[in-house]
Amino acid sequence: MPCQLASSVVINVINSFASKYGLQNEKGAILGIFRSLQALARAIGPLTASFAYWSIGEKATYIIGSLGLLCPLLILVNVQHRLRALPMKIAK
């Protein structure tokens, strides 16, 4: 149950971030492409992982997977660094 709750929250948050890109008349196309890529990743991800598991072994697959999980962390650190570099406007 907690996994379903986390998944439903994360998917909605990611979709809301994706909706911030593009012009008003491009929102439908952007969200449609984004959702299609999400579905494609959910279909190809398990196939790729199972192929890797059976062809290169479990240890290498888990190491590659754990290194892949570091990518979002590195992206967040980069975003945090960029946000700190932005000049702050103080509201009056």
N, C-alpha and C. Protein backbone atom coordinates (compact mmCIF):
# COMPACT_ATOMS: atom_id res chain seq x y z
N MET A 1 0.81 -1.21 0.00
CA MET A 1 0.00 0.00 0.00
C MET A 1 0.86 1.28 0.00
N PRO A 2 1.92 1.38 0.81
CA PRO A 2 2.73 2.60 0.77
C PRO A 2 3.37 2.85 -0.59
N CYS A 3 3.72 1.77 -1.30
CA CYS A 3 4.33 1.93 -2.62
C CYS A 3 3.33 2.54 -3.60
N GLN A 4 2.07 2.12 -3.53
CA GLN A 4 1.05 2.68 -4.41
C GLN A 4 0.81 4.15 -4.08
N LEU A 5 0.81 4.50 -2.82
CA LEU A 5 0.62 5.89 -2.42
C LEU A 5 1.77 6.75 -2.91
N ALA A 6 3.00 6.28 -2.72
CA ALA A 6 4.17 7.04 -3.17
C ALA A 6 4.17 7.18 -4.68
N SER A 7 3.82 6.12 -5.38
CA SER A 7 3.80 6.16 -6.84
C SER A 7 2.76 7.14 -7.35
N SER A 8 1.58 7.16 -6.73
CA SER A 8 0.54 8.08 -7.19
C SER A 8 0.91 9.53 -6.91
N VAL A 9 1.59 9.80 -5.82
CA VAL A 9 2.02 11.15 -5.50
C VAL A 9 3.14 11.59 -6.44
N VAL A 10 4.12 10.73 -6.64
CA VAL A 10 5.27 11.08 -7.46
C VAL A 10 4.86 11.33 -8.90
N ILE A 11 4.01 10.48 -9.45
CA ILE A 11 3.58 10.65 -10.84
C ILE A 11 2.85 11.98 -11.02
N ASN A 12 1.99 12.33 -10.09
CA ASN A 12 1.28 13.61 -10.20
C ASN A 12 2.22 14.80 -10.05
N VAL A 13 3.20 14.70 -9.18
CA VAL A 13 4.15 15.80 -9.01
C VAL A 13 4.99 15.97 -10.27
N ILE A 14 5.45 14.87 -10.84
CA ILE A 14 6.25 14.94 -12.06
C ILE A 14 5.42 15.52 -13.20
N ASN A 15 4.17 15.12 -13.32
CA ASN A 15 3.30 15.67 -14.37
C ASN A 15 3.06 17.16 -14.17
N SER A 16 2.94 17.60 -12.93
CA SER A 16 2.74 19.03 -12.70
C SER A 16 3.99 19.83 -13.07
N PHE A 17 5.17 19.26 -12.82
CA PHE A 17 6.41 19.92 -13.24
C PHE A 17 6.49 19.99 -14.76
N ALA A 18 6.08 18.92 -15.43
CA ALA A 18 6.13 18.89 -16.90
C ALA A 18 5.15 19.89 -17.49
N SER A 19 4.06 20.18 -16.79
CA SER A 19 3.07 21.11 -17.32
C SER A 19 3.56 22.56 -17.29
N LYS A 20 4.67 22.82 -16.63
CA LYS A 20 5.21 24.18 -16.55
C LYS A 20 5.98 24.57 -17.81
N TYR A 21 6.29 23.60 -18.66
CA TYR A 21 7.07 23.86 -19.87
C TYR A 21 6.17 24.17 -21.05
N GLY A 22 6.66 24.99 -21.94
CA GLY A 22 5.96 25.28 -23.18
C GLY A 22 4.95 26.40 -23.07
N LEU A 23 4.47 26.80 -24.21
CA LEU A 23 3.42 27.82 -24.28
C LEU A 23 2.07 27.20 -23.96
N GLN A 24 1.08 28.06 -23.75
CA GLN A 24 -0.25 27.58 -23.38
C GLN A 24 -0.83 26.64 -24.44
N ASN A 25 -0.61 26.96 -25.72
CA ASN A 25 -1.19 26.12 -26.76
C ASN A 25 -0.37 24.85 -27.03
N GLU A 26 0.77 24.67 -26.34
CA GLU A 26 1.61 23.49 -26.49
C GLU A 26 1.47 22.51 -25.33
N LYS A 27 0.71 22.87 -24.30
CA LYS A 27 0.64 22.05 -23.09
C LYS A 27 0.15 20.64 -23.36
N GLY A 28 -0.88 20.50 -24.19
CA GLY A 28 -1.43 19.17 -24.47
C GLY A 28 -0.43 18.26 -25.15
N ALA A 29 0.27 18.80 -26.12
CA ALA A 29 1.28 18.00 -26.82
C ALA A 29 2.42 17.63 -25.89
N ILE A 30 2.87 18.56 -25.09
CA ILE A 30 3.98 18.29 -24.17
C ILE A 30 3.59 17.23 -23.16
N LEU A 31 2.42 17.37 -22.55
CA LEU A 31 1.99 16.38 -21.57
C LEU A 31 1.72 15.03 -22.22
N GLY A 32 1.20 15.02 -23.43
CA GLY A 32 0.96 13.76 -24.13
C GLY A 32 2.25 13.03 -24.43
N ILE A 33 3.24 13.75 -24.92
CA ILE A 33 4.54 13.14 -25.19
C ILE A 33 5.18 12.66 -23.89
N PHE A 34 5.07 13.47 -22.85
CA PHE A 34 5.66 13.11 -21.56
C PHE A 34 5.03 11.84 -21.01
N ARG A 35 3.70 11.75 -21.07
CA ARG A 35 3.01 10.55 -20.57
C ARG A 35 3.33 9.33 -21.41
N SER A 36 3.49 9.53 -22.73
CA SER A 36 3.86 8.41 -23.60
C SER A 36 5.26 7.91 -23.26
N LEU A 37 6.17 8.83 -22.99
CA LEU A 37 7.53 8.42 -22.61
C LEU A 37 7.54 7.71 -21.25
N GLN A 38 6.66 8.12 -20.34
CA GLN A 38 6.55 7.43 -19.06
C GLN A 38 6.10 5.98 -19.27
N ALA A 39 5.09 5.79 -20.12
CA ALA A 39 4.59 4.45 -20.39
C ALA A 39 5.65 3.60 -21.08
N LEU A 40 6.37 4.20 -22.01
CA LEU A 40 7.44 3.48 -22.70
C LEU A 40 8.53 3.06 -21.72
N ALA A 41 8.88 3.94 -20.79
CA ALA A 41 9.90 3.59 -19.78
C ALA A 41 9.41 2.47 -18.88
N ARG A 42 8.12 2.49 -18.51
CA ARG A 42 7.58 1.42 -17.67
C ARG A 42 7.53 0.09 -18.41
N ALA A 43 7.46 0.12 -19.74
CA ALA A 43 7.46 -1.11 -20.51
C ALA A 43 8.87 -1.61 -20.79
N ILE A 44 9.77 -0.70 -21.13
CA ILE A 44 11.12 -1.10 -21.52
C ILE A 44 12.02 -1.35 -20.31
N GLY A 45 11.80 -0.63 -19.23
CA GLY A 45 12.65 -0.78 -18.04
C GLY A 45 12.73 -2.20 -17.51
N PRO A 46 11.62 -2.84 -17.22
CA PRO A 46 11.69 -4.23 -16.73
C PRO A 46 12.28 -5.20 -17.74
N LEU A 47 11.99 -4.99 -19.01
CA LEU A 47 12.57 -5.86 -20.04
C LEU A 47 14.08 -5.73 -20.08
N THR A 48 14.57 -4.50 -20.02
CA THR A 48 16.01 -4.26 -20.04
C THR A 48 16.67 -4.84 -18.80
N ALA A 49 16.04 -4.64 -17.65
CA ALA A 49 16.62 -5.15 -16.40
C ALA A 49 16.64 -6.68 -16.39
N SER A 50 15.58 -7.32 -16.87
CA SER A 50 15.58 -8.78 -16.88
C SER A 50 16.59 -9.33 -17.89
N PHE A 51 16.71 -8.67 -19.03
CA PHE A 51 17.72 -9.08 -20.00
C PHE A 51 19.12 -8.96 -19.41
N ALA A 52 19.38 -7.86 -18.73
CA ALA A 52 20.69 -7.67 -18.11
C ALA A 52 20.92 -8.70 -17.01
N TYR A 53 19.90 -8.99 -16.24
CA TYR A 53 20.01 -9.96 -15.14
C TYR A 53 20.43 -11.32 -15.66
N TRP A 54 19.80 -11.75 -16.74
CA TRP A 54 20.10 -13.09 -17.27
C TRP A 54 21.34 -13.12 -18.14
N SER A 55 21.77 -11.99 -18.69
CA SER A 55 22.93 -12.03 -19.58
C SER A 55 24.25 -11.65 -18.88
N ILE A 56 24.23 -10.67 -17.98
CA ILE A 56 25.48 -10.28 -17.33
C ILE A 56 25.53 -10.65 -15.85
N GLY A 57 24.45 -11.19 -15.33
CA GLY A 57 24.44 -11.66 -13.95
C GLY A 57 23.77 -10.68 -12.99
N GLU A 58 23.41 -11.22 -11.84
CA GLU A 58 22.66 -10.42 -10.87
C GLU A 58 23.51 -9.33 -10.23
N LYS A 59 24.76 -9.65 -9.91
CA LYS A 59 25.61 -8.67 -9.22
C LYS A 59 25.84 -7.43 -10.08
N ALA A 60 26.21 -7.63 -11.33
CA ALA A 60 26.44 -6.49 -12.23
C ALA A 60 25.16 -5.71 -12.48
N THR A 61 24.04 -6.41 -12.59
CA THR A 61 22.76 -5.73 -12.81
C THR A 61 22.40 -4.84 -11.63
N TYR A 62 22.57 -5.35 -10.42
CA TYR A 62 22.25 -4.55 -9.24
C TYR A 62 23.22 -3.38 -9.06
N ILE A 63 24.48 -3.58 -9.41
CA ILE A 63 25.44 -2.48 -9.32
C ILE A 63 25.07 -1.38 -10.32
N ILE A 64 24.77 -1.77 -11.54
CA ILE A 64 24.36 -0.79 -12.56
C ILE A 64 23.08 -0.08 -12.13
N GLY A 65 22.13 -0.84 -11.60
CA GLY A 65 20.89 -0.23 -11.13
C GLY A 65 21.09 0.74 -9.99
N SER A 66 21.98 0.38 -9.06
CA SER A 66 22.23 1.29 -7.93
C SER A 66 22.95 2.55 -8.40
N LEU A 67 23.85 2.41 -9.37
CA LEU A 67 24.50 3.60 -9.92
C LEU A 67 23.49 4.47 -10.66
N GLY A 68 22.54 3.83 -11.33
CA GLY A 68 21.48 4.58 -12.01
C GLY A 68 20.61 5.36 -11.05
N LEU A 69 20.45 4.83 -9.83
CA LEU A 69 19.65 5.54 -8.83
C LEU A 69 20.36 6.77 -8.29
N LEU A 70 21.65 6.87 -8.51
CA LEU A 70 22.39 8.06 -8.09
C LEU A 70 22.15 9.24 -9.03
N CYS A 71 21.72 8.97 -10.25
CA CYS A 71 21.49 10.05 -11.23
C CYS A 71 20.50 11.10 -10.73
N PRO A 72 19.33 10.73 -10.21
CA PRO A 72 18.43 11.78 -9.70
C PRO A 72 19.04 12.59 -8.57
N LEU A 73 19.84 11.95 -7.72
CA LEU A 73 20.49 12.67 -6.63
C LEU A 73 21.46 13.70 -7.19
N LEU A 74 22.24 13.32 -8.18
CA LEU A 74 23.19 14.25 -8.79
C LEU A 74 22.46 15.39 -9.50
N ILE A 75 21.35 15.10 -10.12
CA ILE A 75 20.55 16.15 -10.77
C ILE A 75 20.02 17.13 -9.73
N LEU A 76 19.53 16.61 -8.61
CA LEU A 76 19.01 17.49 -7.55
C LEU A 76 20.11 18.37 -6.96
N VAL A 77 21.28 17.81 -6.78
CA VAL A 77 22.40 18.62 -6.26
C VAL A 77 22.74 19.72 -7.26
N ASN A 78 22.73 19.40 -8.55
CA ASN A 78 23.02 20.39 -9.58
C ASN A 78 21.95 21.49 -9.59
N VAL A 79 20.69 21.11 -9.46
CA VAL A 79 19.60 22.09 -9.43
C VAL A 79 19.73 22.97 -8.19
N GLN A 80 20.04 22.36 -7.06
CA GLN A 80 20.20 23.14 -5.83
C GLN A 80 21.35 24.13 -5.97
N HIS A 81 22.43 23.72 -6.59
CA HIS A 81 23.57 24.61 -6.80
C HIS A 81 23.18 25.77 -7.71
N ARG A 82 22.42 25.48 -8.76
CA ARG A 82 21.98 26.53 -9.69
C ARG A 82 21.02 27.50 -9.01
N LEU A 83 20.14 26.98 -8.15
CA LEU A 83 19.19 27.86 -7.46
C LEU A 83 19.90 28.80 -6.49
N ARG A 84 20.94 28.31 -5.86
CA ARG A 84 21.69 29.17 -4.94
C ARG A 84 22.44 30.27 -5.69
N ALA A 85 22.79 30.00 -6.94
CA ALA A 85 23.52 30.99 -7.74
C ALA A 85 22.61 32.09 -8.28
N LEU A 86 21.29 31.86 -8.29
CA LEU A 86 20.36 32.88 -8.79
C LEU A 86 20.25 34.03 -7.80
N PRO A 87 20.16 35.26 -8.32
CA PRO A 87 19.96 36.39 -7.41
C PRO A 87 18.55 36.34 -6.82
N MET A 88 18.48 36.57 -5.54
CA MET A 88 17.19 36.53 -4.84
C MET A 88 16.54 37.90 -4.85
N LYS A 89 15.24 37.94 -5.16
CA LYS A 89 14.48 39.19 -5.10
C LYS A 89 13.72 39.21 -3.78
N ILE A 90 13.88 40.29 -3.06
CA ILE A 90 13.21 40.41 -1.76
C ILE A 90 11.92 41.18 -1.98
N ALA A 91 10.81 40.55 -1.54
CA ALA A 91 9.50 41.18 -1.68
C ALA A 91 9.37 42.31 -0.66
N LYS A 92 8.78 43.42 -1.11
CA LYS A 92 8.58 44.56 -0.18
C LYS A 92 7.19 44.59 0.34
